[in-house]
Amino acid sequence: LHVTANGGIAAPGPAYVVATTMTLTPPAGRYVAIFSCSATPDAANTLTTALGAAGVAVTDTDTPVGGATEVATEKALATQAYVDSAAGATAIQGLWKASAGGAMTFRRLTLYPVL
């Protein structure tokens, strides 16, 4: 299962929000989830992505870029994790947040079933 997007979005703020179009609600089971995007941070902000399950960030999937020594060029980011889905009830999402301004372009959220 996968969703793709090419649209950018302005920074939401310091709390995680669901990335535009980056939500899948799969059948019950265990999945390897992969979320990828590109970001253009600068020294004034840090952009962070994570995987989410029902709107809550999955532990240890935070992937930050940016900060005081950052050069403002586009960077590729990806994060992955095992996620469990209850029968059609657990939305798996790409999340993101920003410490200040910035923008991201979301690429793909993919779920691979674990057999």
C-alpha atoms as a PDB file:
ATOM      1  CA  LEU A   1       0.000   0.000   0.000  1.00  0.00           C
ATOM      2  CA  HIS A   2       1.291   3.480  -0.720  1.00  0.00           C
ATOM      3  CA  VAL A   3       0.350   7.110  -1.239  1.00  0.00           C
ATOM      4  CA  THR A   4       2.434   9.665  -3.095  1.00  0.00           C
ATOM      5  CA  ALA A   5       2.451  13.449  -3.270  1.00  0.00           C
ATOM      6  CA  ASN A   6       4.537  16.147  -4.875  1.00  0.00           C
ATOM      7  CA  GLY A   7       3.053  19.182  -3.145  1.00  0.00           C
ATOM      8  CA  GLY A   8       4.933  21.294  -0.663  1.00  0.00           C
ATOM      9  CA  ILE A   9       3.474  22.650   2.529  1.00  0.00           C
ATOM     10  CA  ALA A  10       4.484  25.498   4.830  1.00  0.00           C
ATOM     11  CA  ALA A  11       5.745  24.733   8.333  1.00  0.00           C
ATOM     12  CA  PRO A  12       2.974  23.905  10.819  1.00  0.00           C
ATOM     13  CA  GLY A  13       4.651  24.767  14.130  1.00  0.00           C
ATOM     14  CA  PRO A  14       6.365  22.986  17.027  1.00  0.00           C
ATOM     15  CA  ALA A  15       3.830  20.130  17.439  1.00  0.00           C
ATOM     16  CA  TYR A  16       3.493  17.206  14.999  1.00  0.00           C
ATOM     17  CA  VAL A  17       0.750  17.423  12.377  1.00  0.00           C
ATOM     18  CA  VAL A  18      -0.243  14.900   9.718  1.00  0.00           C
ATOM     19  CA  ALA A  19       1.442  15.625   6.391  1.00  0.00           C
ATOM     20  CA  THR A  20      -1.014  16.420   3.606  1.00  0.00           C
ATOM     21  CA  THR A  21      -2.234  13.190   1.889  1.00  0.00           C
ATOM     22  CA  MET A  22       0.170  11.013   3.938  1.00  0.00           C
ATOM     23  CA  THR A  23      -2.328   8.711   5.670  1.00  0.00           C
ATOM     24  CA  LEU A  24      -3.077   5.027   5.040  1.00  0.00           C
ATOM     25  CA  THR A  25      -5.560   2.878   6.969  1.00  0.00           C
ATOM     26  CA  PRO A  26      -4.557  -0.707   6.170  1.00  0.00           C
ATOM     27  CA  PRO A  27      -6.215  -4.011   7.051  1.00  0.00           C
ATOM     28  CA  ALA A  28      -5.263  -5.579  10.385  1.00  0.00           C
ATOM     29  CA  GLY A  29      -1.671  -6.751  10.550  1.00  0.00           C
ATOM     30  CA  ARG A  30       1.962  -5.806  11.032  1.00  0.00           C
ATOM     31  CA  TYR A  31       3.717  -3.610   8.483  1.00  0.00           C
ATOM     32  CA  VAL A  32       7.069  -2.064   7.698  1.00  0.00           C
ATOM     33  CA  ALA A  33       6.194   1.615   7.166  1.00  0.00           C
ATOM     34  CA  ILE A  34       8.490   3.984   5.256  1.00  0.00           C
ATOM     35  CA  PHE A  35       7.892   7.746   4.975  1.00  0.00           C
ATOM     36  CA  SER A  36      10.064   9.901   2.712  1.00  0.00           C
ATOM     37  CA  CYS A  37      10.183  13.601   1.946  1.00  0.00           C
ATOM     38  CA  SER A  38      12.540  16.439   1.148  1.00  0.00           C
ATOM     39  CA  ALA A  39      13.117  19.532   3.261  1.00  0.00           C
ATOM     40  CA  THR A  40      14.782  22.908   2.904  1.00  0.00           C
ATOM     41  CA  PRO A  41      15.689  24.056   6.417  1.00  0.00           C
ATOM     42  CA  ASP A  42      17.955  26.926   7.385  1.00  0.00           C
ATOM     43  CA  ALA A  43      19.910  28.031  10.445  1.00  0.00           C
ATOM     44  CA  ALA A  44      16.765  29.522  12.002  1.00  0.00           C
ATOM     45  CA  ASN A  45      14.756  26.297  12.210  1.00  0.00           C
ATOM     46  CA  THR A  46      14.739  22.529  12.514  1.00  0.00           C
ATOM     47  CA  LEU A  47      12.276  20.463  10.479  1.00  0.00           C
ATOM     48  CA  THR A  48      11.426  17.000  11.841  1.00  0.00           C
ATOM     49  CA  THR A  49       9.536  14.059  10.320  1.00  0.00           C
ATOM     50  CA  ALA A  50       8.211  10.941  12.042  1.00  0.00           C
ATOM     51  CA  LEU A  51       5.853   8.054  11.448  1.00  0.00           C
ATOM     52  CA  GLY A  52       2.544   8.201  13.260  1.00  0.00           C
ATOM     53  CA  ALA A  53      -0.014   5.619  14.329  1.00  0.00           C
ATOM     54  CA  ALA A  54      -3.442   7.147  15.005  1.00  0.00           C
ATOM     55  CA  GLY A  55      -1.843  10.609  15.214  1.00  0.00           C
ATOM     56  CA  VAL A  56       0.841   9.702  17.771  1.00  0.00           C
ATOM     57  CA  ALA A  57       4.519   9.657  16.755  1.00  0.00           C
ATOM     58  CA  VAL A  58       6.017   6.156  16.698  1.00  0.00           C
ATOM     59  CA  THR A  59       8.937   5.913  19.150  1.00  0.00           C
ATOM     60  CA  ASP A  60      12.405   6.520  17.667  1.00  0.00           C
ATOM     61  CA  THR A  61      11.201   7.564  14.194  1.00  0.00           C
ATOM     62  CA  ASP A  62      11.968  11.300  14.636  1.00  0.00           C
ATOM     63  CA  THR A  63      14.263  12.495  11.822  1.00  0.00           C
ATOM     64  CA  PRO A  64      15.378  16.143  12.265  1.00  0.00           C
ATOM     65  CA  VAL A  65      17.259  18.354   9.820  1.00  0.00           C
ATOM     66  CA  GLY A  66      18.371  21.962  10.224  1.00  0.00           C
ATOM     67  CA  GLY A  67      19.818  24.083  12.975  1.00  0.00           C
ATOM     68  CA  ALA A  68      22.622  26.551  13.578  1.00  0.00           C
ATOM     69  CA  THR A  69      25.162  24.994  11.195  1.00  0.00           C
ATOM     70  CA  GLU A  70      22.718  24.115   8.417  1.00  0.00           C
ATOM     71  CA  VAL A  71      23.118  25.322   4.835  1.00  0.00           C
ATOM     72  CA  ALA A  72      19.742  26.119   3.239  1.00  0.00           C
ATOM     73  CA  THR A  73      19.724  23.422   0.559  1.00  0.00           C
ATOM     74  CA  GLU A  74      17.174  20.701  -0.105  1.00  0.00           C
ATOM     75  CA  LYS A  75      17.772  17.499   1.906  1.00  0.00           C
ATOM     76  CA  ALA A  76      16.222  14.052   1.492  1.00  0.00           C
ATOM     77  CA  LEU A  77      14.713  12.521   4.646  1.00  0.00           C
ATOM     78  CA  ALA A  78      13.241   9.102   5.361  1.00  0.00           C
ATOM     79  CA  THR A  79      12.163   7.181   8.421  1.00  0.00           C
ATOM     80  CA  GLN A  80      10.870   3.654   8.905  1.00  0.00           C
ATOM     81  CA  ALA A  81       9.445   1.362  11.589  1.00  0.00           C
ATOM     82  CA  TYR A  82       7.363  -1.711  12.248  1.00  0.00           C
ATOM     83  CA  VAL A  83       3.765  -0.657  12.907  1.00  0.00           C
ATOM     84  CA  ASP A  84       0.714  -2.653  13.953  1.00  0.00           C
ATOM     85  CA  SER A  85      -2.754  -1.924  12.636  1.00  0.00           C
ATOM     86  CA  ALA A  86      -6.028  -2.993  14.207  1.00  0.00           C
ATOM     87  CA  ALA A  87      -8.674  -4.071  11.669  1.00  0.00           C
ATOM     88  CA  GLY A  88      -9.156  -0.942   9.597  1.00  0.00           C
ATOM     89  CA  ALA A  89      -8.975   1.258  12.683  1.00  0.00           C
ATOM     90  CA  THR A  90      -5.353   2.413  12.890  1.00  0.00           C
ATOM     91  CA  ALA A  91      -4.329   5.202  10.534  1.00  0.00           C
ATOM     92  CA  ILE A  92      -0.605   5.093   9.700  1.00  0.00           C
ATOM     93  CA  GLN A  93       0.673   8.585   8.925  1.00  0.00           C
ATOM     94  CA  GLY A  94       3.619  10.706   7.929  1.00  0.00           C
ATOM     95  CA  LEU A  95       3.999  13.461  10.542  1.00  0.00           C
ATOM     96  CA  TRP A  96       6.089  16.623  10.625  1.00  0.00           C
ATOM     97  CA  LYS A  97       6.812  19.735  12.673  1.00  0.00           C
ATOM     98  CA  ALA A  98       9.047  22.809  12.541  1.00  0.00           C
ATOM     99  CA  SER A  99      10.789  24.853  15.213  1.00  0.00           C
ATOM    100  CA  ALA A 100      10.287  28.025  13.135  1.00  0.00           C
ATOM    101  CA  GLY A 101       9.671  28.475   9.382  1.00  0.00           C
ATOM    102  CA  GLY A 102      10.571  26.191   6.537  1.00  0.00           C
ATOM    103  CA  ALA A 103       8.881  23.937   4.021  1.00  0.00           C
ATOM    104  CA  MET A 104       8.784  20.280   3.051  1.00  0.00           C
ATOM    105  CA  THR A 105       7.756  18.352  -0.019  1.00  0.00           C
ATOM    106  CA  PHE A 106       6.179  15.007   0.807  1.00  0.00           C
ATOM    107  CA  ARG A 107       7.106  12.122  -1.441  1.00  0.00           C
ATOM    108  CA  ARG A 108       5.747   8.755  -0.335  1.00  0.00           C
ATOM    109  CA  LEU A 109       4.300   6.728   2.532  1.00  0.00           C
ATOM    110  CA  THR A 110       4.576   2.990   1.893  1.00  0.00           C
ATOM    111  CA  LEU A 111       3.414  -0.006   3.960  1.00  0.00           C
ATOM    112  CA  TYR A 112       4.832  -3.477   3.355  1.00  0.00           C
ATOM    113  CA  PRO A 113       3.023  -6.363   5.085  1.00  0.00           C
ATOM    114  CA  VAL A 114       5.168  -8.503   7.392  1.00  0.00           C
ATOM    115  CA  LEU A 115       4.370 -12.147   6.739  1.00  0.00           C
END
